[in-house]
Amino acid sequence: MGIPKQQPQQQYTVEQLLALNPYNPDILPDLENFVNEQVSSQTYSLDANLCLLRLYQFEPERMSTQIVARILVKALMAMPAPDFSLCLFLIPERVPVCLTFCWENKYGQVILDSMCVSFLLLYAPGDGISLVKEEITVLAQMEEQFKTLIVLSHYLETARFRQFWDEAAKNRHIVEVVPGFEQAIQAYAIHVLSLTYQKVPRTVLAEAINIEGLSLDKFLEHQVANCGWVLEKSQGKGQLIVLPPNEFNHPELKKNAADSIPLEHITRIFPILG
């Protein structure tokens, strides 16, 4: 009588693992591998990444700083979606970034501090006011690369693109491990400009997407041919880029009949007012 053959173990996709039991700690290595797969294949799955961060909350001793950093970079690339904040607040307490707030003082310097929310609401700093840092020790426990990513996120949220690119250049070892990072941020910068400008100066565009010279010329040629951009010369202002119209940069006043009040209804209150 022969020895029965062992049945091969069934392989599940990440989607199947998440559907079966997303809180099973045994799937943690699979989710970590899936993060690396997202990086190499330039794909993205917010649900899988959030599930991994939740598992890290249950088992913080198994948390991989490298994996978490890659998740945050991928989330940063998804802006204007709020993915970065969603991921940030799920990082285990031993890296207490969830209590960290980001400000800028009058010199444009980013201030990272941690405090209770009630104090923050009562004493929100204004221009020229930096928070007292001497009594705050929580930041010492944070991973340096997490703090850097928080600063980068702040610059993007406030459209400080020049400061963003300067800070990113100082921390290439964090952001360049994820292919497509620069292109994703450039797309976000163009999105922000398209909400603000009908015609954007070439210098403003160059600063926002961190491209200059011949590289910018080639970029503009591609956008004109494929995205409906129009180049226009302006006296004394250099080159202008006319962006495609949208509901934000070309607002149209529309009278909504449902919101209007008939004149006869208004005249009825005149005697009361008199």
Protein backbone atom coordinates (compact mmCIF):
# COMPACT_ATOMS: atom_id res chain seq x y z
CA MET A 1 0.00 0.00 0.00
CA GLY A 2 1.54 3.26 -1.13
CA ILE A 3 1.99 6.38 0.95
CA PRO A 4 -0.80 8.83 0.26
CA LYS A 5 0.36 11.96 -1.48
CA GLN A 6 0.14 15.16 0.52
CA GLN A 7 -2.37 17.59 -0.86
CA PRO A 8 -0.74 20.83 -2.05
CA GLN A 9 -1.56 23.81 0.11
CA GLN A 10 -4.11 26.09 -1.45
CA GLN A 11 -2.80 29.49 -2.46
CA TYR A 12 -4.93 32.57 -1.92
CA THR A 13 -4.68 35.99 -3.46
CA VAL A 14 -4.41 39.04 -1.22
CA GLU A 15 -7.98 39.96 -2.08
CA GLN A 16 -9.16 36.53 -0.96
CA LEU A 17 -7.16 36.75 2.27
CA LEU A 18 -8.72 40.11 3.07
CA ALA A 19 -12.18 38.77 2.35
CA LEU A 20 -11.74 35.60 4.43
CA ASN A 21 -10.23 37.02 7.61
CA PRO A 22 -8.60 40.46 7.50
CA TYR A 23 -7.65 40.27 11.20
CA ASN A 24 -5.72 37.02 10.96
CA PRO A 25 -2.09 37.79 11.95
CA ASP A 26 -0.91 34.88 9.82
CA ILE A 27 -1.53 36.91 6.66
CA LEU A 28 0.82 39.67 7.81
CA PRO A 29 3.83 38.40 5.76
CA ASP A 30 1.63 38.15 2.68
CA LEU A 31 0.51 41.75 3.11
CA GLU A 32 4.08 42.91 3.59
CA ASN A 33 5.12 41.15 0.40
CA PHE A 34 2.16 42.74 -1.33
CA VAL A 35 3.43 46.21 -0.34
CA ASN A 36 6.75 45.44 -2.03
CA GLU A 37 4.83 44.14 -5.03
CA GLN A 38 2.91 47.41 -5.22
CA VAL A 39 6.20 49.29 -5.25
CA SER A 40 7.81 47.19 -7.97
CA SER A 41 4.71 46.99 -10.19
CA GLN A 42 3.64 50.62 -9.54
CA THR A 43 0.18 49.52 -8.42
CA TYR A 44 -1.71 50.57 -5.32
CA SER A 45 -4.17 49.00 -2.88
CA LEU A 46 -5.28 51.22 -0.02
CA ASP A 47 -7.48 48.52 1.51
CA ALA A 48 -4.62 46.02 1.76
CA ASN A 49 -2.28 48.63 3.22
CA LEU A 50 -4.81 49.75 5.82
CA CYS A 51 -5.39 46.11 6.79
CA LEU A 52 -1.64 45.64 7.31
CA LEU A 53 -1.42 48.74 9.49
CA ARG A 54 -4.33 47.49 11.60
CA LEU A 55 -2.51 44.19 12.11
CA TYR A 56 0.58 46.13 13.20
CA GLN A 57 -1.59 47.78 15.84
CA PHE A 58 -2.36 44.36 17.31
CA GLU A 59 1.25 43.21 17.05
CA PRO A 60 3.47 46.31 17.11
CA GLU A 61 6.58 44.24 17.76
CA ARG A 62 6.27 42.83 14.24
CA MET A 63 6.04 46.25 12.60
CA SER A 64 8.49 46.89 9.77
CA THR A 65 9.53 50.54 9.59
CA GLN A 66 10.59 50.08 5.99
CA ILE A 67 7.20 48.68 4.99
CA VAL A 68 5.30 51.43 6.82
CA ALA A 69 7.45 54.10 5.15
CA ARG A 70 6.67 52.64 1.74
CA ILE A 71 2.96 52.61 2.56
CA LEU A 72 3.12 56.28 3.52
CA VAL A 73 4.99 57.19 0.34
CA LYS A 74 2.41 55.36 -1.78
CA ALA A 75 -0.35 57.14 0.13
CA LEU A 76 1.36 60.48 -0.49
CA MET A 77 1.36 59.67 -4.20
CA ALA A 78 -2.42 59.23 -4.08
CA MET A 79 -3.11 62.87 -3.22
CA PRO A 80 -5.53 64.65 -3.30
CA ALA A 81 -7.14 61.55 -1.78
CA PRO A 82 -6.89 61.54 2.05
CA ASP A 83 -5.00 58.23 2.09
CA PHE A 84 -1.94 59.63 3.86
CA SER A 85 -3.94 60.71 6.90
CA LEU A 86 -5.85 57.42 6.97
CA CYS A 87 -2.59 55.48 7.07
CA LEU A 88 -0.87 57.84 9.47
CA PHE A 89 -3.48 57.44 12.18
CA LEU A 90 -3.16 53.64 12.07
CA ILE A 91 0.54 53.52 12.87
CA PRO A 92 1.07 51.78 16.24
CA GLU A 93 1.44 53.88 19.36
CA ARG A 94 5.13 53.20 19.73
CA VAL A 95 5.50 55.60 16.81
CA PRO A 96 2.99 58.20 18.02
CA VAL A 97 2.63 60.26 14.87
CA CYS A 98 -1.13 60.33 15.37
CA LEU A 99 -0.57 63.01 18.03
CA THR A 100 1.67 65.12 15.84
CA PHE A 101 0.61 68.46 14.38
CA CYS A 102 2.36 70.40 11.66
CA TRP A 103 2.62 74.19 11.57
CA GLU A 104 4.61 76.86 9.80
CA ASN A 105 5.98 79.92 11.55
CA LYS A 106 6.40 83.33 9.93
CA TYR A 107 9.75 82.26 8.49
CA GLY A 108 8.19 79.39 6.56
CA GLN A 109 9.76 76.82 8.87
CA VAL A 110 7.75 73.68 9.56
CA ILE A 111 7.09 73.05 13.24
CA LEU A 112 6.24 69.52 14.34
CA ASP A 113 4.70 69.31 17.76
CA SER A 114 2.51 67.02 19.80
CA MET A 115 -0.21 68.02 22.23
CA CYS A 116 -3.74 67.27 23.27
CA VAL A 117 -6.47 68.24 20.82
CA SER A 118 -8.36 70.35 23.37
CA PHE A 119 -5.33 72.58 23.89
CA LEU A 120 -4.85 72.81 20.14
CA LEU A 121 -8.40 74.02 19.59
CA LEU A 122 -8.14 76.67 22.29
CA TYR A 123 -4.69 77.93 21.45
CA ALA A 124 -4.20 77.47 17.72
CA PRO A 125 -1.03 79.37 16.80
CA GLY A 126 -1.22 82.32 14.43
CA ASP A 127 1.36 83.94 12.20
CA GLY A 128 4.74 84.25 13.84
CA ILE A 129 3.82 81.94 16.72
CA SER A 130 5.71 78.70 17.11
CA LEU A 131 4.66 76.10 19.63
CA VAL A 132 6.72 75.49 22.74
CA LYS A 133 8.85 72.39 22.09
CA GLU A 134 10.97 72.20 25.21
CA GLU A 135 8.34 70.28 27.15
CA ILE A 136 7.47 67.89 24.34
CA THR A 137 9.32 64.60 24.32
CA VAL A 138 7.03 62.45 22.19
CA LEU A 139 8.75 63.41 18.96
CA ALA A 140 11.94 61.76 20.10
CA GLN A 141 10.19 58.41 19.73
CA MET A 142 9.19 58.98 16.13
CA GLU A 143 11.08 57.50 13.24
CA GLU A 144 12.93 60.23 11.36
CA GLN A 145 11.59 59.20 8.00
CA PHE A 146 8.01 59.38 9.29
CA LYS A 147 8.60 62.97 10.40
CA THR A 148 10.01 63.77 6.97
CA LEU A 149 6.94 62.36 5.25
CA ILE A 150 4.66 64.39 7.52
CA VAL A 151 6.52 67.54 6.50
CA LEU A 152 6.26 66.60 2.82
CA SER A 153 2.55 66.00 3.23
CA HIS A 154 2.12 69.40 4.86
CA TYR A 155 3.87 71.13 1.97
CA LEU A 156 1.64 69.38 -0.55
CA GLU A 157 -1.57 70.13 1.33
CA THR A 158 -0.64 73.82 1.46
CA ALA A 159 0.63 73.90 -2.15
CA ARG A 160 4.16 74.85 -1.08
CA PHE A 161 5.66 73.02 -4.01
CA ARG A 162 9.05 74.69 -4.02
CA GLN A 163 9.58 73.78 -0.37
CA PHE A 164 8.29 70.28 -1.08
CA TRP A 165 10.80 69.61 -3.85
CA ASP A 166 13.64 71.06 -1.77
CA GLU A 167 12.75 68.78 1.15
CA ALA A 168 12.29 65.77 -1.13
CA ALA A 169 15.74 66.37 -2.63
CA LYS A 170 17.24 66.16 0.85
CA ASN A 171 15.53 62.83 1.49
CA ARG A 172 15.87 60.96 -1.79
CA HIS A 173 16.66 57.77 0.12
CA ILE A 174 13.06 57.77 1.39
CA VAL A 175 11.04 58.73 -1.68
CA GLU A 176 13.08 57.37 -4.57
CA VAL A 177 12.71 53.76 -3.42
CA VAL A 178 9.15 53.98 -4.76
CA PRO A 179 9.11 54.27 -8.58
CA GLY A 180 6.77 56.86 -10.03
CA PHE A 181 6.89 59.15 -7.00
CA GLU A 182 8.00 62.26 -8.90
CA GLN A 183 5.45 61.76 -11.67
CA ALA A 184 2.61 61.26 -9.17
CA ILE A 185 3.45 64.48 -7.32
CA GLN A 186 3.73 66.38 -10.59
CA ALA A 187 0.24 65.17 -11.52
CA TYR A 188 -1.05 66.38 -8.16
CA ALA A 189 0.61 69.78 -8.62
CA ILE A 190 -1.02 70.15 -12.04
CA HIS A 191 -4.35 69.19 -10.49
CA VAL A 192 -4.00 71.96 -7.89
CA LEU A 193 -3.01 74.53 -10.51
CA SER A 194 -5.94 73.55 -12.70
CA LEU A 195 -8.31 74.33 -9.82
CA THR A 196 -6.77 77.77 -9.35
CA TYR A 197 -5.63 79.12 -12.71
CA GLN A 198 -7.19 79.71 -16.07
CA LYS A 199 -3.80 80.85 -17.33
CA VAL A 200 -0.74 79.84 -15.32
CA PRO A 201 2.65 81.57 -15.80
CA ARG A 202 5.41 79.30 -17.01
CA THR A 203 7.53 80.15 -13.95
CA VAL A 204 4.75 79.07 -11.59
CA LEU A 205 4.27 75.80 -13.43
CA ALA A 206 8.01 75.13 -13.51
CA GLU A 207 8.26 75.61 -9.75
CA ALA A 208 5.23 73.43 -9.05
CA ILE A 209 6.35 70.43 -11.08
CA ASN A 210 10.11 70.94 -10.61
CA ILE A 211 10.94 70.95 -14.32
CA GLU A 212 12.87 73.65 -16.18
CA GLY A 213 14.54 74.40 -19.48
CA LEU A 214 14.37 71.97 -22.37
CA SER A 215 12.72 69.34 -20.20
CA LEU A 216 9.88 71.75 -19.51
CA ASP A 217 9.58 72.54 -23.24
CA LYS A 218 9.17 68.84 -24.02
CA PHE A 219 6.67 68.45 -21.20
CA LEU A 220 4.61 71.36 -22.53
CA GLU A 221 4.68 69.95 -26.05
CA HIS A 222 3.26 66.68 -24.73
CA GLN A 223 0.54 68.45 -22.73
CA VAL A 224 -0.45 70.61 -25.70
CA ALA A 225 -0.71 67.56 -27.96
CA ASN A 226 -2.51 65.29 -25.51
CA CYS A 227 -4.22 67.30 -22.76
CA GLY A 228 -5.66 70.36 -24.44
CA TRP A 229 -3.18 72.90 -23.09
CA VAL A 230 -2.56 76.08 -25.08
CA LEU A 231 0.60 78.18 -25.01
CA GLU A 232 0.17 81.92 -25.04
CA LYS A 233 2.64 84.78 -24.96
CA SER A 234 1.95 87.72 -22.68
CA GLN A 235 3.59 91.13 -22.76
CA GLY A 236 5.95 91.50 -19.86
CA LYS A 237 4.83 88.27 -18.18
CA GLY A 238 6.58 85.68 -20.28
CA GLN A 239 4.81 82.57 -21.46
CA LEU A 240 1.35 81.67 -20.20
CA ILE A 241 -0.20 78.21 -20.26
CA VAL A 242 -3.94 78.18 -20.83
CA LEU A 243 -5.37 75.22 -18.89
CA PRO A 244 -8.50 73.33 -19.94
CA PRO A 245 -11.68 74.78 -18.40
CA ASN A 246 -13.30 73.07 -15.45
CA GLU A 247 -15.97 73.94 -12.90
CA PHE A 248 -13.38 75.51 -10.60
CA ASN A 249 -11.23 77.68 -12.85
CA HIS A 250 -14.18 78.72 -15.05
CA PRO A 251 -17.08 79.22 -12.64
CA GLU A 252 -20.37 80.03 -14.29
CA LEU A 253 -23.14 81.84 -12.48
CA LYS A 254 -26.34 79.88 -12.91
CA LYS A 255 -29.70 80.99 -11.65
CA ASN A 256 -31.50 78.19 -9.95
CA ALA A 257 -35.24 78.70 -10.23
CA ALA A 258 -35.84 76.41 -7.27
CA ASP A 259 -33.85 78.75 -4.99
CA SER A 260 -35.44 82.02 -6.17
CA ILE A 261 -38.17 83.79 -4.18
CA PRO A 262 -41.11 85.20 -6.16
CA LEU A 263 -41.42 88.98 -6.02
CA GLU A 264 -44.96 88.82 -4.67
CA HIS A 265 -43.70 86.93 -1.62
CA ILE A 266 -41.14 89.64 -0.93
CA THR A 267 -43.67 92.47 -1.25
CA ARG A 268 -45.82 90.85 1.44
CA ILE A 269 -43.19 91.50 4.12
CA PHE A 270 -42.75 95.18 3.28
CA PRO A 271 -45.69 96.28 5.51
CA ILE A 272 -44.23 94.28 8.37
CA LEU A 273 -40.82 95.88 7.94
CA GLY A 274 -42.46 99.32 7.78
